[in-house]
Protein backbone atom coordinates (compact mmCIF):
# COMPACT_ATOMS: atom_id res chain seq x y z
CA MET A 1 -38.68 -14.33 -11.66
CA ALA A 2 -42.07 -14.91 -10.49
CA THR A 3 -44.60 -12.21 -9.55
CA LYS A 4 -48.59 -12.54 -8.48
CA GLN A 5 -50.67 -8.91 -8.23
CA THR A 6 -53.81 -8.86 -6.67
CA THR A 7 -56.68 -6.34 -7.40
CA LYS A 8 -58.71 -4.27 -5.26
CA LYS A 9 -61.73 -6.15 -6.76
CA GLU A 10 -60.74 -9.18 -6.11
CA LEU A 11 -59.83 -8.75 -2.52
CA GLU A 12 -63.41 -7.56 -1.81
CA SER A 13 -64.94 -10.64 -3.90
CA ASN A 14 -63.00 -12.87 -1.55
CA GLU A 15 -63.56 -10.92 1.67
CA PHE A 16 -60.06 -10.34 2.38
CA ASP A 17 -58.88 -7.38 4.78
CA ILE A 18 -56.74 -5.18 2.21
CA ASP A 19 -54.67 -3.91 5.05
CA THR A 20 -53.32 -7.49 5.44
CA ILE A 21 -52.56 -8.36 1.83
CA THR A 22 -49.49 -7.53 -0.12
CA VAL A 23 -50.65 -6.19 -3.28
CA GLU A 24 -47.27 -7.14 -5.31
CA GLU A 25 -45.23 -9.60 -3.71
CA THR A 26 -41.67 -11.03 -5.57
CA ILE A 27 -40.78 -14.66 -5.00
CA VAL A 28 -36.74 -15.38 -5.04
CA PRO A 29 -35.14 -17.92 -4.65
CA LYS A 30 -33.50 -18.71 -1.16
CA GLU A 31 -30.76 -20.55 -2.30
CA THR A 32 -29.76 -17.57 -4.75
CA LYS A 33 -26.33 -16.63 -3.18
CA GLN A 34 -25.40 -19.87 -1.85
CA LYS A 35 -25.54 -21.45 -5.30
CA SER A 36 -23.64 -18.41 -6.70
CA LEU A 37 -20.89 -19.30 -4.28
CA LYS A 38 -20.79 -22.75 -4.60
CA ASP A 39 -20.15 -21.98 -8.32
CA THR A 40 -17.26 -19.54 -8.06
CA TRP A 41 -15.73 -21.57 -5.24
CA VAL A 42 -12.25 -23.28 -6.45
CA ILE A 43 -11.26 -26.28 -4.48
CA LYS A 44 -7.80 -26.22 -4.00
CA ASP A 45 -4.41 -25.92 -1.55
CA ARG A 46 -4.46 -22.43 -0.34
CA THR A 47 -1.85 -20.49 1.73
CA TYR A 48 -2.58 -17.52 3.96
CA VAL A 49 -0.50 -15.08 5.25
CA ILE A 50 -0.07 -12.88 8.63
CA ALA A 51 -1.29 -9.15 7.55
CA ASP A 52 1.11 -7.51 9.72
CA ASP A 53 4.92 -6.68 8.39
CA TYR A 54 6.09 -8.21 11.97
CA SER A 55 4.97 -12.04 12.11
CA PRO A 56 5.03 -13.85 15.63
CA LEU A 57 6.63 -17.25 15.63
CA THR A 58 3.43 -18.83 15.92
CA TYR A 59 0.00 -16.60 15.87
CA THR A 60 -3.31 -18.17 16.76
CA LEU A 61 -6.14 -16.72 15.42
CA GLN A 62 -9.88 -16.83 16.55
CA SER A 63 -11.50 -19.75 15.66
CA ARG A 64 -14.92 -19.22 17.57
CA HIS A 65 -17.70 -17.26 18.63
CA SER A 66 -17.93 -16.34 22.55
CA LEU A 67 -19.80 -13.84 24.23
CA ARG A 68 -16.43 -12.40 25.58
CA TYR A 69 -15.03 -12.54 22.04
CA PRO A 70 -17.74 -12.13 19.14
CA LEU A 71 -16.77 -14.04 16.15
CA LEU A 72 -19.73 -13.41 13.51
CA TRP A 73 -20.53 -12.87 9.86
CA PHE A 74 -23.34 -10.69 8.57
CA ASN A 75 -25.69 -12.97 6.13
CA LYS A 76 -27.04 -9.82 3.80
CA GLU A 77 -29.14 -12.19 2.14
CA THR A 78 -31.38 -12.70 5.87
CA GLY A 79 -30.17 -9.15 7.11
CA GLU A 80 -28.64 -11.69 10.59
CA GLN A 81 -25.61 -12.15 11.99
CA GLU A 82 -24.28 -15.52 11.97
CA GLU A 83 -21.60 -17.51 14.57
CA LEU A 84 -18.67 -19.07 13.27
CA ARG A 85 -16.89 -21.79 14.54
CA TYR A 86 -14.05 -23.97 13.05
CA ALA A 87 -15.18 -27.95 13.36
CA THR A 88 -12.57 -30.40 12.36
CA ASN A 89 -15.70 -32.70 11.75
CA GLN A 90 -18.53 -30.10 10.00
CA ASN A 91 -18.67 -28.96 6.22
CA SER A 92 -19.30 -25.48 7.21
CA PRO A 93 -17.76 -22.87 9.45
CA LEU A 94 -21.54 -21.20 10.30
CA VAL A 95 -22.97 -22.95 13.50
CA SER A 96 -26.42 -22.93 11.96
CA GLN A 97 -25.36 -25.44 9.26
CA GLN A 98 -23.31 -27.76 12.10
CA LYS A 99 -24.94 -30.90 13.33
CA GLY A 100 -24.21 -32.95 16.26
CA SER A 101 -21.18 -33.25 18.17
CA VAL A 102 -18.46 -31.06 17.16
CA THR A 103 -14.89 -30.81 17.26
CA LEU A 104 -13.36 -27.65 17.75
CA GLY A 105 -9.99 -27.34 15.98
CA HIS A 106 -7.31 -23.81 16.55
CA ILE A 107 -5.84 -22.20 13.67
CA ILE A 108 -2.13 -21.62 13.97
CA PHE A 109 0.05 -19.50 11.61
CA ASP A 110 3.70 -21.07 11.89
CA ASN A 111 6.24 -18.27 10.98
CA GLY A 112 3.07 -15.70 9.81
CA ILE A 113 2.10 -18.97 7.50
CA LEU A 114 -0.72 -21.01 7.42
CA ASN A 115 -1.15 -24.10 4.45
CA VAL A 116 -4.70 -25.40 4.59
CA PRO A 117 -5.00 -28.29 2.10
CA LYS A 118 -7.98 -28.68 -0.15
CA GLU A 119 -9.57 -31.45 2.49
CA LYS A 120 -9.95 -28.75 4.79
CA GLN A 121 -12.89 -27.25 3.17
CA SER A 122 -14.78 -25.90 5.99
CA LEU A 123 -11.25 -24.31 7.32
CA GLN A 124 -10.80 -22.82 4.02
CA LYS A 125 -13.86 -21.18 3.76
CA LEU A 126 -14.21 -19.62 7.37
CA LEU A 127 -10.44 -17.91 6.64
CA SER A 128 -11.31 -17.12 3.11
CA ILE A 129 -15.04 -15.86 2.87
CA TYR A 130 -16.68 -15.46 6.66
CA HIS A 131 -13.53 -14.13 9.16
CA PRO A 132 -13.45 -10.85 9.82
CA GLY A 133 -10.05 -11.07 10.21
CA LEU A 134 -9.45 -11.36 6.48
CA ASN A 135 -7.43 -8.82 4.74
CA THR A 136 -7.06 -7.03 8.49
CA LYS A 137 -5.08 -10.01 10.60
CA TYR A 138 -4.27 -11.79 7.72
CA MET A 139 -4.75 -12.44 4.47
CA GLU A 140 -5.22 -15.11 1.18
CA PHE A 141 -1.75 -15.38 -0.66
CA ASP A 142 -2.50 -14.89 -4.18
CA PRO A 143 0.46 -16.20 -6.88
CA THR A 144 -1.50 -14.38 -9.82
CA LEU A 145 -1.20 -10.87 -7.94
CA GLU A 146 2.09 -11.54 -6.16
CA ALA A 147 3.14 -12.16 -10.11
CA GLU A 148 1.86 -8.63 -11.06
CA ASP A 149 3.34 -6.87 -8.03
CA GLU A 150 6.83 -8.51 -8.77
CA LEU A 151 6.67 -7.25 -12.54
CA GLU A 152 5.62 -4.14 -11.37
CA ASP A 153 8.88 -4.40 -9.27
CA ILE A 154 11.29 -5.60 -11.90
CA GLU A 155 9.81 -3.06 -14.27
CA LEU A 156 10.60 0.09 -12.50
CA GLU A 157 13.93 -1.53 -11.31
CA VAL A 158 14.93 -1.51 -14.88
CA MET A 159 13.45 1.98 -16.00
CA ALA A 160 15.51 3.40 -12.96
CA LEU A 161 18.50 1.65 -14.26
CA ASN A 162 18.28 2.95 -17.57
CA ALA A 163 17.83 6.31 -16.56
CA ALA A 164 20.90 5.89 -14.23
CA LEU A 165 22.63 4.99 -17.52
CA GLU A 166 21.79 7.65 -19.34
CA MET A 167 22.21 10.54 -16.51
CA ASP A 168 25.05 12.93 -16.77
CA ILE A 169 27.76 13.34 -14.45
CA ASP A 170 26.53 16.70 -12.44
CA GLN A 171 22.76 15.54 -12.00
CA ALA A 172 24.46 11.72 -10.84
CA GLU A 173 26.28 13.52 -8.14
CA SER A 174 23.24 15.60 -7.01
CA ILE A 175 21.48 12.46 -6.65
CA VAL A 176 24.40 10.38 -4.79
CA ARG A 177 24.79 13.73 -2.31
CA VAL A 178 21.37 13.07 -1.16
CA GLU A 179 22.27 9.65 0.09
CA VAL A 180 26.02 10.27 1.28
CA GLY A 181 26.82 14.12 1.79
CA SER A 182 30.02 15.76 1.12
CA ARG A 183 31.81 12.36 0.71
CA VAL A 184 30.45 12.69 -2.71
CA ASN A 185 33.25 15.36 -3.48
CA LYS A 186 36.09 12.90 -3.12
CA MET A 187 34.49 10.69 -5.07
CA SER A 188 35.60 9.48 -8.78
CA SER A 189 32.95 9.82 -11.49
CA LYS A 190 32.76 6.14 -11.72
CA GLU A 191 32.74 5.73 -7.82
CA ILE A 192 29.52 8.30 -8.44
CA LYS A 193 28.02 6.00 -11.61
CA ARG A 194 28.32 3.07 -9.22
CA ASP A 195 26.56 4.73 -6.14
CA LEU A 196 24.29 6.00 -8.40
CA LEU A 197 23.23 2.27 -10.32
CA LEU A 198 23.53 0.73 -6.64
CA LEU A 199 20.54 3.13 -5.61
CA ALA A 200 18.36 2.90 -8.84
CA ARG A 201 18.86 -0.71 -8.27
CA ASN A 202 17.70 -1.16 -4.58
CA ASN A 203 15.61 1.13 -4.22
CA PRO A 204 14.11 2.59 -7.74
CA SER A 205 11.38 4.85 -6.37
CA LEU A 206 13.15 6.84 -4.64
CA PHE A 207 15.43 6.98 -7.46
CA ILE A 208 13.25 8.17 -10.00
CA GLU A 209 11.60 10.58 -7.00
CA LEU A 210 15.07 12.37 -7.19
CA ALA A 211 15.53 12.04 -10.68
CA ASN A 212 12.47 13.97 -11.38
CA ASP A 213 13.01 16.74 -8.56
CA ASP A 214 14.53 19.97 -10.27
CA ASN A 215 15.40 21.14 -6.34
CA ILE A 216 18.03 18.00 -6.00
CA GLN A 217 20.43 19.52 -8.85
CA LEU A 218 19.46 23.30 -7.42
CA ARG A 219 20.39 22.12 -4.08
CA ASN A 220 23.72 20.25 -5.30
CA ILE A 221 25.05 23.66 -6.86
CA ALA A 222 24.27 25.62 -3.83
CA ILE A 223 26.57 23.17 -1.73
CA ARG A 224 29.08 23.18 -4.67
CA ALA A 225 29.12 27.14 -4.70
CA VAL A 226 29.78 27.16 -1.03
CA GLU A 227 32.58 24.26 -0.90
CA ALA A 228 33.98 26.26 -3.44
CA ASN A 229 34.00 29.60 -1.12
CA ILE A 230 32.24 31.44 -4.12
CA ILE A 231 29.02 31.85 -1.53
CA THR A 232 29.10 31.88 1.97
CA LEU A 233 26.29 30.50 4.50
CA SER A 234 26.43 32.19 7.97
CA GLN A 235 27.29 30.40 11.14
CA ASP A 236 23.23 30.60 12.05
CA ASN A 237 22.24 29.28 8.59
CA ARG A 238 20.21 32.20 8.10
CA THR A 239 21.58 34.50 5.15
CA PHE A 240 23.74 33.63 2.23
CA HIS A 241 26.62 36.44 0.99
CA TRP A 242 29.04 36.78 -1.84
CA SER A 243 32.60 35.47 -0.89
CA GLU A 244 34.58 37.84 -2.77
CA ASN A 245 32.62 41.23 -1.47
CA ASN A 246 30.13 39.91 1.52
CA ARG A 247 27.10 41.23 -0.49
CA LYS A 248 23.97 39.89 0.67
CA LEU A 249 22.60 37.26 -1.52
CA MET A 250 19.23 36.30 0.24
CA THR A 251 17.74 35.39 4.05
CA VAL A 252 16.70 31.87 4.66
CA PRO A 253 13.15 31.73 6.21
CA PHE A 254 13.17 30.35 9.91
CA ASP A 255 13.37 27.07 9.97
CA GLU A 256 13.67 25.96 6.45
CA ASN A 257 16.83 24.00 5.22
CA PRO A 258 19.26 26.80 3.79
CA TYR A 259 20.17 24.98 0.58
CA SER A 260 16.30 23.91 -0.32
CA ALA A 261 15.76 27.67 0.33
CA MET A 262 18.56 28.64 -2.00
CA ALA A 263 17.16 26.24 -4.57
CA ALA A 264 13.73 28.04 -4.36
CA PHE A 265 15.73 31.32 -4.61
CA PHE A 266 17.53 30.24 -8.03
CA LYS A 267 14.00 30.17 -9.51
CA THR A 268 13.04 33.44 -8.81
CA ASP A 269 13.85 36.42 -11.40
CA GLU A 270 16.89 37.71 -9.04
CA GLY A 271 18.07 34.19 -8.60
CA ILE A 272 18.46 33.08 -11.99
CA GLU A 273 21.46 35.71 -12.04
CA VAL A 274 22.98 34.36 -9.36
CA PHE A 275 22.65 30.80 -10.55
CA LYS A 276 24.20 31.59 -13.73
CA SER A 277 27.45 33.30 -12.48
CA ILE A 278 27.71 30.63 -9.98
CA GLU A 279 27.20 27.97 -12.69
CA LYS A 280 30.19 30.23 -14.98
CA LYS A 281 32.19 30.10 -11.58
CA LEU A 282 32.02 26.73 -10.59
CA LYS A 283 33.26 25.52 -14.37
């Protein structure tokens, strides 16, 4: 980097107007950004995919600027916006760098995918660097990132399966009940284990969330207690009672699931004693 400094004495001796002189001027090479971009750009085949979960059979991405539908790229080096245009006979998607007559091209995704060979550098750079739709309307497929995501999914699945294999039958029943409801009462221990492993394999994140939720087991105890007629739940789902003497245990807060409310009650000082009593009767 080169700098030029001019003192006031030199300015007066050269009869310059001091207000019109830049005291410190920094010389910056104009091609710095372009050289950096050129150095990091890799010539290879590239694949682009539609970002939305739902992809139409064909999707046409905007490929040129117009007054009605602007397609612009902000150049931080110049502080100006530049028009974009995909021309099959040009080396750059920037209109300012295109020369002579142009042959316009279309950008079409088939089944949500667009494969661009390394020979089409102008189209690749438009899609990978300049187009404002990048990472919103579409994204560049990166095999490395895809492999990392798949590895994380596999590791999560293995973790969930290991936890399912080591889980005792009572906790397993609590989790399976979330999926199948009261049908779990008619299932054998092997059927419960099977459904538990299927849940861990097919939805490991949900399985781990349920396995770490203490309330799931407490909810299951409350449901089993009602099914075994140890406690009763009123028809309006507002109060729990002891079945043997109809003594009131708790009132369910308004607009709350009764079994979630009972699970929270089990954690209170009074509820702990109730929970211990129910556990003994269930055995």
